C-alpha atoms as a PDB file:
ATOM      1  CA  UNK A   1     -22.595  20.496  -2.060  1.00  0.00           C
ATOM      2  CA  UNK A   2     -22.802  23.063   0.697  1.00  0.00           C
ATOM      3  CA  UNK A   3     -21.135  22.462   3.969  1.00  0.00           C
ATOM      4  CA  UNK A   4     -24.441  21.707   5.756  1.00  0.00           C
ATOM      5  CA  UNK A   5     -24.984  18.874   3.431  1.00  0.00           C
ATOM      6  CA  UNK A   6     -22.015  17.177   4.868  1.00  0.00           C
ATOM      7  CA  UNK A   7     -22.419  15.087   7.946  1.00  0.00           C
ATOM      8  CA  UNK A   8     -19.801  14.090  10.608  1.00  0.00           C
ATOM      9  CA  UNK A   9     -20.716  11.229  12.886  1.00  0.00           C
ATOM     10  CA  UNK A  10     -18.851  12.031  15.879  1.00  0.00           C
ATOM     11  CA  UNK A  11     -17.751   9.202  18.428  1.00  0.00           C
ATOM     12  CA  UNK A  12     -15.890   9.495  21.801  1.00  0.00           C
ATOM     13  CA  UNK A  13     -14.666   5.957  22.703  1.00  0.00           C
ATOM     14  CA  UNK A  14     -15.642   4.258  25.941  1.00  0.00           C
ATOM     15  CA  UNK A  15     -17.550   5.370  29.006  1.00  0.00           C
ATOM     16  CA  UNK A  16     -17.690   8.936  30.861  1.00  0.00           C
ATOM     17  CA  UNK A  17     -17.498   9.762  34.516  1.00  0.00           C
ATOM     18  CA  UNK A  18     -20.629   9.505  36.819  1.00  0.00           C
ATOM     19  CA  UNK A  19     -20.976  12.245  39.571  1.00  0.00           C
ATOM     20  CA  UNK A  20     -17.653  12.302  41.515  1.00  0.00           C
ATOM     21  CA  UNK A  21     -13.850  11.974  40.592  1.00  0.00           C
ATOM     22  CA  UNK A  22     -12.603   8.751  41.784  1.00  0.00           C
ATOM     23  CA  UNK A  23     -11.983   5.645  39.800  1.00  0.00           C
ATOM     24  CA  UNK A  24     -15.142   4.005  41.311  1.00  0.00           C
ATOM     25  CA  UNK A  25     -16.996   6.726  39.354  1.00  0.00           C
ATOM     26  CA  UNK A  26     -15.473   6.079  35.916  1.00  0.00           C
ATOM     27  CA  UNK A  27     -18.006   3.953  33.988  1.00  0.00           C
ATOM     28  CA  UNK A  28     -15.355   1.742  32.196  1.00  0.00           C
ATOM     29  CA  UNK A  29     -13.271   1.114  35.274  1.00  0.00           C
ATOM     30  CA  UNK A  30     -10.833  -0.970  35.738  1.00  0.00           C
ATOM     31  CA  UNK A  31     -10.473  -0.666  31.831  1.00  0.00           C
ATOM     32  CA  UNK A  32      -9.439   2.292  29.599  1.00  0.00           C
ATOM     33  CA  UNK A  33      -7.764   4.113  32.473  1.00  0.00           C
ATOM     34  CA  UNK A  34      -4.218   4.021  34.183  1.00  0.00           C
ATOM     35  CA  UNK A  35      -2.893   5.456  37.440  1.00  0.00           C
ATOM     36  CA  UNK A  36       0.542   7.549  37.142  1.00  0.00           C
ATOM     37  CA  UNK A  37       2.487   7.361  40.432  1.00  0.00           C
ATOM     38  CA  UNK A  38       3.074  11.082  40.243  1.00  0.00           C
ATOM     39  CA  UNK A  39       0.996  14.104  38.966  1.00  0.00           C
ATOM     40  CA  UNK A  40      -3.081  14.596  39.234  1.00  0.00           C
ATOM     41  CA  UNK A  41      -4.235  14.149  36.009  1.00  0.00           C
ATOM     42  CA  UNK A  42      -8.069  13.510  36.263  1.00  0.00           C
ATOM     43  CA  UNK A  43      -7.829  12.273  39.840  1.00  0.00           C
ATOM     44  CA  UNK A  44      -4.990  11.462  42.191  1.00  0.00           C
ATOM     45  CA  UNK A  45      -2.832  10.315  39.453  1.00  0.00           C
ATOM     46  CA  UNK A  46      -5.529   8.305  37.620  1.00  0.00           C
ATOM     47  CA  UNK A  47      -6.006   9.086  33.886  1.00  0.00           C
ATOM     48  CA  UNK A  48      -9.619   8.080  32.626  1.00  0.00           C
ATOM     49  CA  UNK A  49      -9.528   7.697  28.481  1.00  0.00           C
ATOM     50  CA  UNK A  50     -13.376   7.922  28.259  1.00  0.00           C
ATOM     51  CA  UNK A  51     -13.208  11.376  29.772  1.00  0.00           C
ATOM     52  CA  UNK A  52     -10.577  12.499  27.693  1.00  0.00           C
ATOM     53  CA  UNK A  53     -12.147  11.389  24.570  1.00  0.00           C
ATOM     54  CA  UNK A  54     -15.124  13.199  25.389  1.00  0.00           C
ATOM     55  CA  UNK A  55     -13.268  16.494  26.179  1.00  0.00           C
ATOM     56  CA  UNK A  56     -11.368  16.197  22.863  1.00  0.00           C
ATOM     57  CA  UNK A  57     -14.606  15.326  21.073  1.00  0.00           C
ATOM     58  CA  UNK A  58     -16.631  18.232  22.594  1.00  0.00           C
ATOM     59  CA  UNK A  59     -13.644  20.747  21.167  1.00  0.00           C
ATOM     60  CA  UNK A  60     -13.775  18.984  17.817  1.00  0.00           C
ATOM     61  CA  UNK A  61     -17.646  19.305  17.560  1.00  0.00           C
ATOM     62  CA  UNK A  62     -17.479  23.141  18.209  1.00  0.00           C
ATOM     63  CA  UNK A  63     -14.988  23.676  15.445  1.00  0.00           C
ATOM     64  CA  UNK A  64     -16.733  21.541  12.916  1.00  0.00           C
ATOM     65  CA  UNK A  65     -20.060  23.465  13.779  1.00  0.00           C
ATOM     66  CA  UNK A  66     -18.024  26.756  13.273  1.00  0.00           C
ATOM     67  CA  UNK A  67     -17.148  25.466   9.835  1.00  0.00           C
ATOM     68  CA  UNK A  68     -20.972  25.022   9.062  1.00  0.00           C
ATOM     69  CA  UNK A  69     -20.923  21.303   8.954  1.00  0.00           C
ATOM     70  CA  UNK A  70     -23.632  18.896  10.342  1.00  0.00           C
ATOM     71  CA  UNK A  71     -22.544  17.073  13.403  1.00  0.00           C
ATOM     72  CA  UNK A  72     -24.314  14.100  15.036  1.00  0.00           C
ATOM     73  CA  UNK A  73     -22.972  12.581  18.198  1.00  0.00           C
ATOM     74  CA  UNK A  74     -23.296   8.927  18.423  1.00  0.00           C
ATOM     75  CA  UNK A  75     -22.002   8.501  22.054  1.00  0.00           C
ATOM     76  CA  UNK A  76     -23.618   9.260  25.370  1.00  0.00           C
ATOM     77  CA  UNK A  77     -22.136  11.874  27.883  1.00  0.00           C
ATOM     78  CA  UNK A  78     -21.754   8.887  30.538  1.00  0.00           C
ATOM     79  CA  UNK A  79     -22.794   5.699  29.307  1.00  0.00           C
ATOM     80  CA  UNK A  80     -20.645   3.302  27.388  1.00  0.00           C
ATOM     81  CA  UNK A  81     -22.990   2.904  24.476  1.00  0.00           C
ATOM     82  CA  UNK A  82     -22.489  -0.487  22.637  1.00  0.00           C
ATOM     83  CA  UNK A  83     -20.290  -0.539  19.474  1.00  0.00           C
ATOM     84  CA  UNK A  84     -23.167  -1.977  17.357  1.00  0.00           C
ATOM     85  CA  UNK A  85     -25.639   0.619  18.640  1.00  0.00           C
ATOM     86  CA  UNK A  86     -23.082   3.561  17.622  1.00  0.00           C
ATOM     87  CA  UNK A  87     -22.786   2.216  14.208  1.00  0.00           C
ATOM     88  CA  UNK A  88     -26.584   1.820  13.864  1.00  0.00           C
ATOM     89  CA  UNK A  89     -26.945   5.543  15.012  1.00  0.00           C
ATOM     90  CA  UNK A  90     -24.271   6.535  12.431  1.00  0.00           C
ATOM     91  CA  UNK A  91     -26.047   4.409   9.725  1.00  0.00           C
ATOM     92  CA  UNK A  92     -29.438   5.977  10.512  1.00  0.00           C
ATOM     93  CA  UNK A  93     -27.907   9.598  10.410  1.00  0.00           C
ATOM     94  CA  UNK A  94     -26.168   9.077   7.249  1.00  0.00           C
ATOM     95  CA  UNK A  95     -29.419   8.002   5.340  1.00  0.00           C
ATOM     96  CA  UNK A  96     -30.550  11.727   5.419  1.00  0.00           C
ATOM     97  CA  UNK A  97     -27.071  13.159   4.445  1.00  0.00           C
ATOM     98  CA  UNK A  98     -25.775  13.931   1.124  1.00  0.00           C
ATOM     99  CA  UNK A  99     -22.417  13.009   2.301  1.00  0.00           C
ATOM    100  CA  UNK A 100     -21.218  11.524   5.406  1.00  0.00           C
ATOM    101  CA  UNK A 101     -18.074  10.447   7.447  1.00  0.00           C
ATOM    102  CA  UNK A 102     -17.406   8.920  10.987  1.00  0.00           C
ATOM    103  CA  UNK A 103     -14.477  10.009  13.243  1.00  0.00           C
ATOM    104  CA  UNK A 104     -13.904   8.127  16.248  1.00  0.00           C
ATOM    105  CA  UNK A 105     -11.889   9.941  18.939  1.00  0.00           C
ATOM    106  CA  UNK A 106      -9.675   7.687  21.398  1.00  0.00           C
ATOM    107  CA  UNK A 107      -6.664   7.677  23.547  1.00  0.00           C
ATOM    108  CA  UNK A 108      -4.051   4.823  23.498  1.00  0.00           C
ATOM    109  CA  UNK A 109      -2.548   2.525  25.846  1.00  0.00           C
ATOM    110  CA  UNK A 110       0.253   0.166  26.042  1.00  0.00           C
ATOM    111  CA  UNK A 111       1.931  -2.262  28.508  1.00  0.00           C
ATOM    112  CA  UNK A 112       5.111  -0.790  27.678  1.00  0.00           C
ATOM    113  CA  UNK A 113       4.802   2.735  29.007  1.00  0.00           C
ATOM    114  CA  UNK A 114       7.517   4.063  26.835  1.00  0.00           C
ATOM    115  CA  UNK A 115       5.114   3.730  23.928  1.00  0.00           C
ATOM    116  CA  UNK A 116       3.970   7.277  22.919  1.00  0.00           C
ATOM    117  CA  UNK A 117       2.638   9.499  19.974  1.00  0.00           C
ATOM    118  CA  UNK A 118      -0.340   9.827  17.558  1.00  0.00           C
ATOM    119  CA  UNK A 119      -1.925   7.315  15.099  1.00  0.00           C
ATOM    120  CA  UNK A 120      -5.020   7.003  12.941  1.00  0.00           C
ATOM    121  CA  UNK A 121      -6.777   3.922  11.646  1.00  0.00           C
ATOM    122  CA  UNK A 122      -8.903   2.906   8.846  1.00  0.00           C
ATOM    123  CA  UNK A 123     -10.432  -0.322   7.714  1.00  0.00           C
ATOM    124  CA  UNK A 124      -8.045  -2.724   5.412  1.00  0.00           C
ATOM    125  CA  UNK A 125      -7.863  -1.850   1.686  1.00  0.00           C
ATOM    126  CA  UNK A 126      -7.892   1.221  -0.351  1.00  0.00           C
ATOM    127  CA  UNK A 127     -11.088   3.373   0.507  1.00  0.00           C
ATOM    128  CA  UNK A 128     -12.131   7.040   0.803  1.00  0.00           C
ATOM    129  CA  UNK A 129     -11.204   6.702   4.460  1.00  0.00           C
ATOM    130  CA  UNK A 130      -7.598   6.635   3.590  1.00  0.00           C
ATOM    131  CA  UNK A 131      -7.810  10.137   2.026  1.00  0.00           C
ATOM    132  CA  UNK A 132      -9.644  11.258   5.228  1.00  0.00           C
ATOM    133  CA  UNK A 133      -6.966   9.738   7.463  1.00  0.00           C
ATOM    134  CA  UNK A 134      -4.309  11.385   5.228  1.00  0.00           C
ATOM    135  CA  UNK A 135      -5.937  14.640   5.581  1.00  0.00           C
ATOM    136  CA  UNK A 136      -6.285  14.674   9.212  1.00  0.00           C
ATOM    137  CA  UNK A 137      -2.681  13.251   9.734  1.00  0.00           C
ATOM    138  CA  UNK A 138      -1.076  16.016   7.951  1.00  0.00           C
ATOM    139  CA  UNK A 139      -2.847  18.570  10.148  1.00  0.00           C
ATOM    140  CA  UNK A 140      -1.958  16.904  13.095  1.00  0.00           C
ATOM    141  CA  UNK A 141       1.722  16.464  12.257  1.00  0.00           C
ATOM    142  CA  UNK A 142       1.677  20.297  11.109  1.00  0.00           C
ATOM    143  CA  UNK A 143       0.154  20.937  14.836  1.00  0.00           C
ATOM    144  CA  UNK A 144       2.402  18.836  16.737  1.00  0.00           C
ATOM    145  CA  UNK A 145       6.060  19.167  15.347  1.00  0.00           C
ATOM    146  CA  UNK A 146       8.699  17.034  17.316  1.00  0.00           C
ATOM    147  CA  UNK A 147       5.839  14.788  18.573  1.00  0.00           C
ATOM    148  CA  UNK A 148       5.848  10.944  17.462  1.00  0.00           C
ATOM    149  CA  UNK A 149       3.743  10.304  14.666  1.00  0.00           C
ATOM    150  CA  UNK A 150       3.205   6.599  14.183  1.00  0.00           C
ATOM    151  CA  UNK A 151       2.408   6.411  10.583  1.00  0.00           C
ATOM    152  CA  UNK A 152       2.568   3.116   8.285  1.00  0.00           C
ATOM    153  CA  UNK A 153       3.505   4.063   4.637  1.00  0.00           C
ATOM    154  CA  UNK A 154       3.549   0.457   3.465  1.00  0.00           C
ATOM    155  CA  UNK A 155       0.717   0.821   1.527  1.00  0.00           C
ATOM    156  CA  UNK A 156       1.530   4.444   0.280  1.00  0.00           C
ATOM    157  CA  UNK A 157      -0.349   6.575   2.801  1.00  0.00           C
ATOM    158  CA  UNK A 158      -0.045   7.123   6.755  1.00  0.00           C
ATOM    159  CA  UNK A 159      -2.964   5.513   8.118  1.00  0.00           C
ATOM    160  CA  UNK A 160      -2.801   2.115  10.005  1.00  0.00           C
ATOM    161  CA  UNK A 161      -5.234  -0.684   8.973  1.00  0.00           C
ATOM    162  CA  UNK A 162      -7.503  -2.647  11.663  1.00  0.00           C
ATOM    163  CA  UNK A 163     -10.923  -4.384  11.530  1.00  0.00           C
ATOM    164  CA  UNK A 164     -12.055  -2.272  14.523  1.00  0.00           C
ATOM    165  CA  UNK A 165     -15.930  -2.386  14.566  1.00  0.00           C
ATOM    166  CA  UNK A 166     -16.420   1.350  14.547  1.00  0.00           C
ATOM    167  CA  UNK A 167     -14.320   1.305  11.118  1.00  0.00           C
ATOM    168  CA  UNK A 168     -16.030  -1.970   9.504  1.00  0.00           C
ATOM    169  CA  UNK A 169     -19.543  -1.556  10.948  1.00  0.00           C
ATOM    170  CA  UNK A 170     -20.718   1.444   8.827  1.00  0.00           C
ATOM    171  CA  UNK A 171     -20.757   2.164   4.927  1.00  0.00           C
ATOM    172  CA  UNK A 172     -19.319   5.522   5.214  1.00  0.00           C
ATOM    173  CA  UNK A 173     -15.689   6.570   5.116  1.00  0.00           C
ATOM    174  CA  UNK A 174     -14.641   6.095   8.844  1.00  0.00           C
ATOM    175  CA  UNK A 175     -11.361   6.762  10.886  1.00  0.00           C
ATOM    176  CA  UNK A 176     -10.315   6.183  14.334  1.00  0.00           C
ATOM    177  CA  UNK A 177      -7.719   8.403  15.658  1.00  0.00           C
ATOM    178  CA  UNK A 178      -5.453   7.352  18.869  1.00  0.00           C
ATOM    179  CA  UNK A 179      -4.293  10.741  20.199  1.00  0.00           C
ATOM    180  CA  UNK A 180      -1.365   9.870  22.469  1.00  0.00           C
ATOM    181  CA  UNK A 181      -0.797   7.187  25.096  1.00  0.00           C
ATOM    182  CA  UNK A 182      -2.555   7.873  28.410  1.00  0.00           C
ATOM    183  CA  UNK A 183       0.045   5.240  29.853  1.00  0.00           C
ATOM    184  CA  UNK A 184       3.008   7.494  28.884  1.00  0.00           C
ATOM    185  CA  UNK A 185       3.636   9.883  31.520  1.00  0.00           C
ATOM    186  CA  UNK A 186       4.746  12.683  29.052  1.00  0.00           C
ATOM    187  CA  UNK A 187       1.984  11.790  26.639  1.00  0.00           C
ATOM    188  CA  UNK A 188      -0.300  12.077  29.585  1.00  0.00           C
ATOM    189  CA  UNK A 189       0.777  15.508  30.506  1.00  0.00           C
ATOM    190  CA  UNK A 190       0.121  16.561  27.135  1.00  0.00           C
ATOM    191  CA  UNK A 191      -3.605  14.995  26.815  1.00  0.00           C
ATOM    192  CA  UNK A 192      -4.741  16.526  30.131  1.00  0.00           C
ATOM    193  CA  UNK A 193      -3.776  20.076  28.904  1.00  0.00           C
ATOM    194  CA  UNK A 194      -6.842  22.012  27.723  1.00  0.00           C
ATOM    195  CA  UNK A 195      -4.804  23.735  25.216  1.00  0.00           C
ATOM    196  CA  UNK A 196      -3.311  20.754  23.776  1.00  0.00           C
ATOM    197  CA  UNK A 197      -6.595  19.162  23.443  1.00  0.00           C
ATOM    198  CA  UNK A 198      -7.954  22.290  21.410  1.00  0.00           C
ATOM    199  CA  UNK A 199      -4.982  22.087  19.217  1.00  0.00           C
ATOM    200  CA  UNK A 200      -5.347  18.446  18.401  1.00  0.00           C
ATOM    201  CA  UNK A 201      -9.149  19.116  18.049  1.00  0.00           C
ATOM    202  CA  UNK A 202      -8.488  22.003  15.577  1.00  0.00           C
ATOM    203  CA  UNK A 203      -6.098  19.833  13.606  1.00  0.00           C
ATOM    204  CA  UNK A 204      -8.748  17.165  13.186  1.00  0.00           C
ATOM    205  CA  UNK A 205     -11.208  19.737  11.990  1.00  0.00           C
ATOM    206  CA  UNK A 206      -8.747  21.285   9.609  1.00  0.00           C
ATOM    207  CA  UNK A 207      -8.178  17.821   8.178  1.00  0.00           C
ATOM    208  CA  UNK A 208     -11.813  17.230   7.710  1.00  0.00           C
ATOM    209  CA  UNK A 209     -12.041  20.501   6.229  1.00  0.00           C
ATOM    210  CA  UNK A 210      -9.491  19.650   3.797  1.00  0.00           C
ATOM    211  CA  UNK A 211     -11.119  16.378   2.921  1.00  0.00           C
ATOM    212  CA  UNK A 212     -14.655  17.861   2.508  1.00  0.00           C
ATOM    213  CA  UNK A 213     -13.305  20.374  -0.165  1.00  0.00           C
ATOM    214  CA  UNK A 214     -11.791  17.528  -2.115  1.00  0.00           C
ATOM    215  CA  UNK A 215     -15.193  16.115  -1.897  1.00  0.00           C
ATOM    216  CA  UNK A 216     -16.771  19.165  -3.609  1.00  0.00           C
ATOM    217  CA  UNK A 217     -18.123  21.168  -0.676  1.00  0.00           C
ATOM    218  CA  UNK A 218     -18.230  24.884  -1.137  1.00  0.00           C
ATOM    219  CA  UNK A 219     -19.084  27.660   1.025  1.00  0.00           C
ATOM    220  CA  UNK A 220     -21.195  30.806  -0.206  1.00  0.00           C
END
């Protein structure tokens, strides 16, 4: 199997930003955002998860294309496409691919602003997504020494399990990564940094590459 026979359906969670910078221009407002007391972030202390998700996903898309993979976006630049529509798009794209996976990019949030770190989710049970999550997770750990890696090894691998629709609504291996807590000031400071975004995106791409090789992808 060649790299261009391997399809990544790429998702960036929630909505984006209409023309402007204030919270009223954020499609998903007042959800999926947080205002810090100090710092600029996206606008006057506001951190908009959907904007972050799209930025990280854009970097990831470019790295994956550089590897020769097929990439299909299942989200819109601004609108918050329904989860059902995203899953339907991924399923439709997968029909024409020899092998396909789904990767959904998110930022995390918590009522406790001390919560921080990175984690990755798969659907419950033992599936190929577990291997995909492990490949990505190991690359992220390597790229972010000293950061908090919120792994769950109770079932023998690092992924956490959840019945998110993006994971259960498709037949292909699917993972959802939470790339820091934007409600935590330290994490948000990392997440807003372009160099950090590129590093995390590159780690995702390397992990996907590792998984693809194990699925038999070869480069001529």
